[in-house]
Amino acid sequence: MKPTVLTNEQVQVKRPPRFRLIIMRGLYLLTFVGLAFQAWEYLLFPGEQIDYMTGVAFSFWATYATLMGLGVRYPIKLLPLLILQLMYKATWVLTVYLPMKSSGTVTPVAESFYWICITAVVLDVLVIPWGYVWNSYVRPFLKFKAHPA
């Protein structure tokens, strides 16, 4: 059986409970299935020449989705991907959708993506083991001790 305590720079961090890992795996799988096939198909079989920025976006999404597939196997190691998903979708809602909404320029595609983002943000907030995030990422970050080079 795996140890119930992980070490992170001299700090012992309790591993999230098994049910949380199962839920995390489900979210990784949902994201992988929902995004990987669409993104990779667009890149591998484009109907027309892909422009620069669209290529960057789809390359990111294809790689991101592939890494989410690995998250099914390694939910704790790839936890930063769930944090990335939470942050980029919340950022899109706040900085793109809300200004579009206030100016009355929301398109049906933007409205659809808005609901995808809101759903993902809610799921991420519920699924991410925040105690583990605090103890593994935030607390060590806040220690401003001099580290040897």
N, C-alpha and C. Protein backbone atom coordinates (compact mmCIF):
# COMPACT_ATOMS: atom_id res chain seq x y z
N MET A 1 0.84 -1.18 0.00
CA MET A 1 0.00 0.00 0.00
C MET A 1 0.88 1.24 0.00
N LYS A 2 0.44 2.27 -0.66
CA LYS A 2 1.21 3.51 -0.74
C LYS A 2 1.22 4.22 0.62
N PRO A 3 2.28 4.98 0.88
CA PRO A 3 2.32 5.70 2.15
C PRO A 3 1.24 6.77 2.19
N THR A 4 0.75 7.04 3.39
CA THR A 4 -0.30 8.04 3.53
C THR A 4 0.27 9.43 3.74
N VAL A 5 1.58 9.52 3.82
CA VAL A 5 2.22 10.81 4.04
C VAL A 5 3.28 11.02 2.96
N LEU A 6 3.25 12.18 2.33
CA LEU A 6 4.25 12.55 1.34
C LEU A 6 5.14 13.62 1.94
N THR A 7 6.40 13.64 1.53
CA THR A 7 7.29 14.68 2.03
C THR A 7 7.51 15.72 0.95
N ASN A 8 7.59 16.95 1.36
CA ASN A 8 7.80 18.06 0.45
C ASN A 8 8.69 19.07 1.15
N GLU A 9 9.97 19.06 0.83
CA GLU A 9 10.94 19.98 1.43
C GLU A 9 10.86 19.99 2.96
N GLN A 10 11.06 18.82 3.55
CA GLN A 10 11.11 18.65 4.99
C GLN A 10 9.75 18.81 5.67
N VAL A 11 8.67 18.98 4.91
CA VAL A 11 7.35 19.11 5.50
C VAL A 11 6.55 17.87 5.11
N GLN A 12 5.94 17.22 6.10
CA GLN A 12 5.12 16.07 5.79
C GLN A 12 3.71 16.54 5.42
N VAL A 13 3.24 16.04 4.28
CA VAL A 13 1.94 16.44 3.78
C VAL A 13 1.07 15.19 3.66
N LYS A 14 -0.11 15.23 4.26
CA LYS A 14 -1.01 14.09 4.17
C LYS A 14 -1.57 13.97 2.76
N ARG A 15 -1.56 12.76 2.26
CA ARG A 15 -2.10 12.46 0.94
C ARG A 15 -3.63 12.63 0.98
N PRO A 16 -4.23 13.17 -0.09
CA PRO A 16 -5.70 13.28 -0.11
C PRO A 16 -6.34 11.90 0.01
N PRO A 17 -7.54 11.84 0.56
CA PRO A 17 -8.20 10.54 0.72
C PRO A 17 -8.49 9.87 -0.63
N ARG A 18 -8.68 8.57 -0.59
CA ARG A 18 -8.88 7.77 -1.81
C ARG A 18 -10.06 8.26 -2.64
N PHE A 19 -11.19 8.61 -1.98
CA PHE A 19 -12.35 9.07 -2.74
C PHE A 19 -12.03 10.34 -3.52
N ARG A 20 -11.19 11.20 -2.94
CA ARG A 20 -10.80 12.44 -3.62
C ARG A 20 -9.96 12.11 -4.85
N LEU A 21 -9.06 11.15 -4.74
CA LEU A 21 -8.24 10.74 -5.88
C LEU A 21 -9.12 10.16 -7.00
N ILE A 22 -10.14 9.41 -6.64
CA ILE A 22 -11.05 8.85 -7.64
C ILE A 22 -11.81 9.96 -8.35
N ILE A 23 -12.27 10.94 -7.61
CA ILE A 23 -12.98 12.07 -8.21
C ILE A 23 -12.04 12.87 -9.11
N MET A 24 -10.80 13.07 -8.65
CA MET A 24 -9.81 13.78 -9.47
C MET A 24 -9.57 13.03 -10.78
N ARG A 25 -9.43 11.72 -10.70
CA ARG A 25 -9.22 10.91 -11.90
C ARG A 25 -10.39 11.07 -12.87
N GLY A 26 -11.59 11.13 -12.33
CA GLY A 26 -12.77 11.33 -13.17
C GLY A 26 -12.72 12.66 -13.91
N LEU A 27 -12.28 13.71 -13.21
CA LEU A 27 -12.19 15.02 -13.85
C LEU A 27 -11.07 15.05 -14.89
N TYR A 28 -9.95 14.42 -14.59
CA TYR A 28 -8.88 14.32 -15.60
C TYR A 28 -9.41 13.60 -16.85
N LEU A 29 -10.12 12.50 -16.64
CA LEU A 29 -10.64 11.72 -17.77
C LEU A 29 -11.68 12.52 -18.56
N LEU A 30 -12.56 13.20 -17.87
CA LEU A 30 -13.58 14.02 -18.53
C LEU A 30 -12.92 15.09 -19.40
N THR A 31 -11.92 15.75 -18.87
CA THR A 31 -11.22 16.78 -19.64
C THR A 31 -10.48 16.17 -20.82
N PHE A 32 -9.82 15.04 -20.59
CA PHE A 32 -9.10 14.36 -21.67
C PHE A 32 -10.05 13.99 -22.81
N VAL A 33 -11.13 13.33 -22.49
CA VAL A 33 -12.07 12.88 -23.53
C VAL A 33 -12.74 14.08 -24.21
N GLY A 34 -13.08 15.08 -23.43
CA GLY A 34 -13.77 16.24 -23.99
C GLY A 34 -12.91 17.11 -24.87
N LEU A 35 -11.60 17.03 -24.73
CA LEU A 35 -10.73 17.96 -25.45
C LEU A 35 -9.73 17.30 -26.39
N ALA A 36 -9.19 16.17 -26.01
CA ALA A 36 -8.08 15.57 -26.78
C ALA A 36 -8.45 15.24 -28.21
N PHE A 37 -9.54 14.55 -28.42
CA PHE A 37 -9.88 14.12 -29.77
C PHE A 37 -10.16 15.31 -30.68
N GLN A 38 -10.86 16.29 -30.16
CA GLN A 38 -11.17 17.48 -30.96
C GLN A 38 -9.90 18.26 -31.30
N ALA A 39 -9.05 18.48 -30.32
CA ALA A 39 -7.84 19.28 -30.56
C ALA A 39 -6.86 18.55 -31.48
N TRP A 40 -6.61 17.27 -31.21
CA TRP A 40 -5.66 16.54 -32.06
C TRP A 40 -6.19 16.36 -33.48
N GLU A 41 -7.49 16.13 -33.62
CA GLU A 41 -8.07 16.00 -34.97
C GLU A 41 -7.89 17.30 -35.75
N TYR A 42 -8.12 18.42 -35.10
CA TYR A 42 -7.97 19.71 -35.76
C TYR A 42 -6.52 19.93 -36.22
N LEU A 43 -5.57 19.52 -35.40
CA LEU A 43 -4.15 19.71 -35.76
C LEU A 43 -3.67 18.70 -36.81
N LEU A 44 -4.09 17.46 -36.67
CA LEU A 44 -3.59 16.42 -37.57
C LEU A 44 -4.30 16.39 -38.92
N PHE A 45 -5.56 16.80 -38.95
CA PHE A 45 -6.34 16.77 -40.19
C PHE A 45 -7.03 18.11 -40.42
N PRO A 46 -6.26 19.18 -40.58
CA PRO A 46 -6.89 20.49 -40.75
C PRO A 46 -7.60 20.58 -42.11
N GLY A 47 -8.75 21.23 -42.11
CA GLY A 47 -9.49 21.43 -43.35
C GLY A 47 -8.85 22.49 -44.23
N GLU A 48 -8.09 23.36 -43.61
CA GLU A 48 -7.40 24.44 -44.31
C GLU A 48 -6.15 24.80 -43.53
N GLN A 49 -5.35 25.67 -44.08
CA GLN A 49 -4.13 26.11 -43.41
C GLN A 49 -4.48 26.74 -42.06
N ILE A 50 -3.78 26.34 -41.02
CA ILE A 50 -4.03 26.87 -39.68
C ILE A 50 -3.22 28.14 -39.48
N ASP A 51 -3.88 29.21 -39.04
CA ASP A 51 -3.15 30.46 -38.80
C ASP A 51 -2.35 30.34 -37.50
N TYR A 52 -1.43 31.25 -37.32
CA TYR A 52 -0.46 31.23 -36.23
C TYR A 52 -1.12 31.09 -34.85
N MET A 53 -2.01 31.99 -34.51
CA MET A 53 -2.58 32.02 -33.16
C MET A 53 -3.50 30.83 -32.92
N THR A 54 -4.26 30.44 -33.92
CA THR A 54 -5.11 29.26 -33.78
C THR A 54 -4.24 28.02 -33.58
N GLY A 55 -3.12 27.95 -34.29
CA GLY A 55 -2.19 26.84 -34.13
C GLY A 55 -1.61 26.78 -32.73
N VAL A 56 -1.28 27.94 -32.19
CA VAL A 56 -0.76 27.99 -30.82
C VAL A 56 -1.82 27.49 -29.84
N ALA A 57 -3.04 27.97 -29.99
CA ALA A 57 -4.12 27.59 -29.07
C ALA A 57 -4.40 26.10 -29.15
N PHE A 58 -4.54 25.57 -30.36
CA PHE A 58 -4.87 24.15 -30.49
C PHE A 58 -3.69 23.26 -30.08
N SER A 59 -2.47 23.71 -30.32
CA SER A 59 -1.30 22.95 -29.85
C SER A 59 -1.29 22.88 -28.34
N PHE A 60 -1.59 24.00 -27.69
CA PHE A 60 -1.67 24.02 -26.24
C PHE A 60 -2.76 23.07 -25.75
N TRP A 61 -3.96 23.17 -26.33
CA TRP A 61 -5.07 22.34 -25.88
C TRP A 61 -4.80 20.85 -26.10
N ALA A 62 -4.18 20.51 -27.23
CA ALA A 62 -3.88 19.10 -27.50
C ALA A 62 -2.88 18.56 -26.48
N THR A 63 -1.85 19.33 -26.20
CA THR A 63 -0.85 18.92 -25.22
C THR A 63 -1.45 18.87 -23.82
N TYR A 64 -2.22 19.88 -23.49
CA TYR A 64 -2.89 19.95 -22.19
C TYR A 64 -3.80 18.74 -21.99
N ALA A 65 -4.58 18.41 -23.02
CA ALA A 65 -5.49 17.28 -22.93
C ALA A 65 -4.72 15.97 -22.76
N THR A 66 -3.62 15.84 -23.48
CA THR A 66 -2.80 14.63 -23.36
C THR A 66 -2.25 14.50 -21.94
N LEU A 67 -1.79 15.59 -21.37
CA LEU A 67 -1.31 15.57 -19.99
C LEU A 67 -2.45 15.26 -19.01
N MET A 68 -3.66 15.73 -19.31
CA MET A 68 -4.80 15.39 -18.46
C MET A 68 -5.06 13.89 -18.51
N GLY A 69 -4.81 13.27 -19.65
CA GLY A 69 -4.92 11.82 -19.74
C GLY A 69 -3.94 11.14 -18.81
N LEU A 70 -2.72 11.68 -18.70
CA LEU A 70 -1.74 11.14 -17.75
C LEU A 70 -2.19 11.37 -16.31
N GLY A 71 -2.97 12.43 -16.09
CA GLY A 71 -3.48 12.70 -14.75
C GLY A 71 -4.39 11.62 -14.22
N VAL A 72 -5.00 10.85 -15.12
CA VAL A 72 -5.82 9.73 -14.68
C VAL A 72 -4.95 8.74 -13.91
N ARG A 73 -3.73 8.57 -14.36
CA ARG A 73 -2.79 7.64 -13.70
C ARG A 73 -2.07 8.30 -12.52
N TYR A 74 -1.74 9.58 -12.65
CA TYR A 74 -0.96 10.29 -11.63
C TYR A 74 -1.72 11.54 -11.16
N PRO A 75 -2.81 11.38 -10.41
CA PRO A 75 -3.63 12.54 -10.05
C PRO A 75 -2.94 13.58 -9.19
N ILE A 76 -2.06 13.15 -8.28
CA ILE A 76 -1.39 14.11 -7.40
C ILE A 76 -0.27 14.83 -8.15
N LYS A 77 0.52 14.09 -8.90
CA LYS A 77 1.65 14.69 -9.61
C LYS A 77 1.20 15.72 -10.64
N LEU A 78 0.02 15.54 -11.22
CA LEU A 78 -0.45 16.45 -12.25
C LEU A 78 -1.53 17.41 -11.74
N LEU A 79 -1.62 17.55 -10.43
CA LEU A 79 -2.56 18.48 -9.81
C LEU A 79 -2.43 19.91 -10.34
N PRO A 80 -1.21 20.40 -10.63
CA PRO A 80 -1.12 21.75 -11.19
C PRO A 80 -1.93 21.95 -12.48
N LEU A 81 -2.22 20.88 -13.20
CA LEU A 81 -3.06 21.02 -14.39
C LEU A 81 -4.49 21.41 -14.03
N LEU A 82 -5.01 20.86 -12.94
CA LEU A 82 -6.35 21.26 -12.51
C LEU A 82 -6.37 22.71 -12.04
N ILE A 83 -5.29 23.12 -11.39
CA ILE A 83 -5.19 24.52 -10.96
C ILE A 83 -5.09 25.42 -12.19
N LEU A 84 -4.32 25.01 -13.19
CA LEU A 84 -4.23 25.77 -14.44
C LEU A 84 -5.60 25.89 -15.08
N GLN A 85 -6.34 24.78 -15.14
CA GLN A 85 -7.67 24.82 -15.74
C GLN A 85 -8.58 25.80 -15.00
N LEU A 86 -8.57 25.73 -13.68
CA LEU A 86 -9.37 26.65 -12.88
C LEU A 86 -9.01 28.10 -13.18
N MET A 87 -7.72 28.37 -13.20
CA MET A 87 -7.27 29.76 -13.36
C MET A 87 -7.51 30.29 -14.77
N TYR A 88 -7.23 29.49 -15.81
CA TYR A 88 -7.39 30.04 -17.15
C TYR A 88 -8.86 30.21 -17.52
N LYS A 89 -9.71 29.32 -17.04
CA LYS A 89 -11.13 29.47 -17.36
C LYS A 89 -11.77 30.60 -16.57
N ALA A 90 -11.38 30.76 -15.31
CA ALA A 90 -11.88 31.89 -14.52
C ALA A 90 -11.37 33.20 -15.11
N THR A 91 -10.11 33.22 -15.56
CA THR A 91 -9.56 34.42 -16.18
C THR A 91 -10.32 34.77 -17.45
N TRP A 92 -10.65 33.77 -18.27
CA TRP A 92 -11.38 34.02 -19.51
C TRP A 92 -12.75 34.62 -19.20
N VAL A 93 -13.44 34.06 -18.21
CA VAL A 93 -14.76 34.58 -17.84
C VAL A 93 -14.66 36.03 -17.40
N LEU A 94 -13.68 36.33 -16.56
CA LEU A 94 -13.56 37.68 -16.01
C LEU A 94 -13.04 38.71 -17.01
N THR A 95 -12.12 38.31 -17.87
CA THR A 95 -11.48 39.30 -18.74
C THR A 95 -11.99 39.32 -20.17
N VAL A 96 -12.69 38.27 -20.60
CA VAL A 96 -13.20 38.23 -21.97
C VAL A 96 -14.72 38.23 -21.99
N TYR A 97 -15.32 37.27 -21.29
CA TYR A 97 -16.77 37.14 -21.35
C TYR A 97 -17.51 38.32 -20.72
N LEU A 98 -17.15 38.69 -19.51
CA LEU A 98 -17.87 39.77 -18.83
C LEU A 98 -17.80 41.09 -19.59
N PRO A 99 -16.63 41.50 -20.14
CA PRO A 99 -16.65 42.70 -20.98
C PRO A 99 -17.52 42.54 -22.24
N MET A 100 -17.52 41.35 -22.84
CA MET A 100 -18.40 41.11 -23.99
C MET A 100 -19.87 41.26 -23.57
N LYS A 101 -20.19 40.71 -22.43
CA LYS A 101 -21.57 40.77 -21.92
C LYS A 101 -21.98 42.21 -21.65
N SER A 102 -21.09 42.98 -21.04
CA SER A 102 -21.45 44.37 -20.71
C SER A 102 -21.57 45.25 -21.95
N SER A 103 -20.86 44.89 -23.02
CA SER A 103 -20.96 45.67 -24.25
C SER A 103 -22.01 45.11 -25.21
N GLY A 104 -22.62 43.99 -24.84
CA GLY A 104 -23.66 43.40 -25.68
C GLY A 104 -23.14 42.71 -26.93
N THR A 105 -21.90 42.24 -26.91
CA THR A 105 -21.31 41.61 -28.09
C THR A 105 -21.09 40.11 -27.92
N VAL A 106 -21.81 39.48 -27.02
CA VAL A 106 -21.65 38.04 -26.79
C VAL A 106 -22.20 37.27 -27.99
N THR A 107 -21.38 36.38 -28.50
CA THR A 107 -21.79 35.53 -29.62
C THR A 107 -22.30 34.20 -29.05
N PRO A 108 -23.02 33.44 -29.85
CA PRO A 108 -23.45 32.11 -29.37
C PRO A 108 -22.27 31.20 -29.00
N VAL A 109 -21.16 31.29 -29.73
CA VAL A 109 -19.99 30.49 -29.41
C VAL A 109 -19.41 30.92 -28.06
N ALA A 110 -19.33 32.23 -27.81
CA ALA A 110 -18.81 32.72 -26.53
C ALA A 110 -19.75 32.32 -25.40
N GLU A 111 -21.04 32.38 -25.63
CA GLU A 111 -22.02 31.99 -24.60
C GLU A 111 -21.86 30.50 -24.27
N SER A 112 -21.66 29.69 -25.27
CA SER A 112 -21.46 28.25 -25.07
C SER A 112 -20.18 27.99 -24.27
N PHE A 113 -19.10 28.66 -24.65
CA PHE A 113 -17.84 28.47 -23.94
C PHE A 113 -17.93 29.00 -22.51
N TYR A 114 -18.71 30.04 -22.30
CA TYR A 114 -18.92 30.57 -20.95
C TYR A 114 -19.47 29.48 -20.04
N TRP A 115 -20.47 28.74 -20.50
CA TRP A 115 -21.06 27.68 -19.67
C TRP A 115 -20.09 26.53 -19.45
N ILE A 116 -19.27 26.24 -20.44
CA ILE A 116 -18.22 25.23 -20.26
C ILE A 116 -17.26 25.69 -19.16
N CYS A 117 -16.86 26.96 -19.22
CA CYS A 117 -15.92 27.51 -18.24
C CYS A 117 -16.52 27.51 -16.83
N ILE A 118 -17.76 27.94 -16.72
CA ILE A 118 -18.40 27.99 -15.40
C ILE A 118 -18.50 26.59 -14.81
N THR A 119 -18.90 25.63 -15.63
CA THR A 119 -18.99 24.24 -15.17
C THR A 119 -17.62 23.74 -14.71
N ALA A 120 -16.58 24.00 -15.50
CA ALA A 120 -15.23 23.57 -15.15
C ALA A 120 -14.74 24.24 -13.87
N VAL A 121 -15.00 25.52 -13.72
CA VAL A 121 -14.57 26.24 -12.51
C VAL A 121 -15.23 25.63 -11.28
N VAL A 122 -16.52 25.38 -11.35
CA VAL A 122 -17.24 24.79 -10.21
C VAL A 122 -16.69 23.41 -9.90
N LEU A 123 -16.50 22.58 -10.93
CA LEU A 123 -15.96 21.24 -10.71
C LEU A 123 -14.55 21.29 -10.13
N ASP A 124 -13.72 22.17 -10.66
CA ASP A 124 -12.36 22.30 -10.14
C ASP A 124 -12.36 22.71 -8.68
N VAL A 125 -13.17 23.69 -8.34
CA VAL A 125 -13.23 24.14 -6.94
C VAL A 125 -13.65 23.00 -6.03
N LEU A 126 -14.58 22.17 -6.49
CA LEU A 126 -15.05 21.06 -5.67
C LEU A 126 -14.07 19.89 -5.61
N VAL A 127 -13.34 19.65 -6.69
CA VAL A 127 -12.50 18.46 -6.80
C VAL A 127 -11.08 18.66 -6.26
N ILE A 128 -10.51 19.83 -6.46
CA ILE A 128 -9.13 20.07 -6.04
C ILE A 128 -9.01 19.93 -4.52
N PRO A 129 -8.06 19.13 -4.05
CA PRO A 129 -7.87 18.97 -2.60
C PRO A 129 -7.13 20.19 -2.03
N TRP A 130 -7.89 21.17 -1.59
CA TRP A 130 -7.32 22.46 -1.22
C TRP A 130 -6.37 22.37 -0.03
N GLY A 131 -6.61 21.48 0.90
CA GLY A 131 -5.68 21.31 2.03
C GLY A 131 -4.32 20.84 1.54
N TYR A 132 -4.34 19.92 0.59
CA TYR A 132 -3.09 19.43 0.02
C TYR A 132 -2.39 20.55 -0.77
N VAL A 133 -3.16 21.32 -1.52
CA VAL A 133 -2.59 22.45 -2.28
C VAL A 133 -1.93 23.43 -1.31
N TRP A 134 -2.62 23.74 -0.23
CA TRP A 134 -2.08 24.68 0.75
C TRP A 134 -0.76 24.16 1.33
N ASN A 135 -0.77 22.91 1.77
CA ASN A 135 0.41 22.35 2.42
C ASN A 135 1.56 22.05 1.47
N SER A 136 1.25 21.73 0.23
CA SER A 136 2.30 21.35 -0.73
C SER A 136 2.83 22.50 -1.56
N TYR A 137 1.99 23.49 -1.84
CA TYR A 137 2.39 24.56 -2.74
C TYR A 137 2.44 25.93 -2.07
N VAL A 138 1.38 26.29 -1.38
CA VAL A 138 1.29 27.65 -0.83
C VAL A 138 2.19 27.82 0.38
N ARG A 139 2.08 26.95 1.36
CA ARG A 139 2.89 27.08 2.58
C ARG A 139 4.39 27.08 2.27
N PRO A 140 4.90 26.12 1.46
CA PRO A 140 6.34 26.19 1.15
C PRO A 140 6.73 27.46 0.38
N PHE A 141 5.83 27.95 -0.46
CA PHE A 141 6.09 29.17 -1.21
C PHE A 141 6.23 30.37 -0.28
N LEU A 142 5.45 30.38 0.78
CA LEU A 142 5.47 31.51 1.71
C LEU A 142 6.66 31.51 2.66
N LYS A 143 7.42 30.42 2.67
CA LYS A 143 8.63 30.38 3.50
C LYS A 143 9.75 31.06 2.74
N PHE A 144 10.13 32.22 3.20
CA PHE A 144 11.14 33.00 2.50
C PHE A 144 12.52 32.81 3.11
N LYS A 145 12.88 31.56 3.39
CA LYS A 145 14.21 31.26 3.88
C LYS A 145 15.18 31.27 2.72
N ALA A 146 16.40 31.59 3.03
CA ALA A 146 17.43 31.55 1.98
C ALA A 146 17.74 30.08 1.67
N HIS A 147 17.62 29.74 0.41
CA HIS A 147 17.94 28.37 -0.02
C HIS A 147 19.34 28.37 -0.65
N PRO A 148 20.13 27.37 -0.30
CA PRO A 148 21.47 27.32 -0.93
C PRO A 148 21.37 27.13 -2.42
N ALA A 149 22.23 27.77 -3.14
CA ALA A 149 22.19 27.71 -4.60
C ALA A 149 22.74 26.43 -5.14
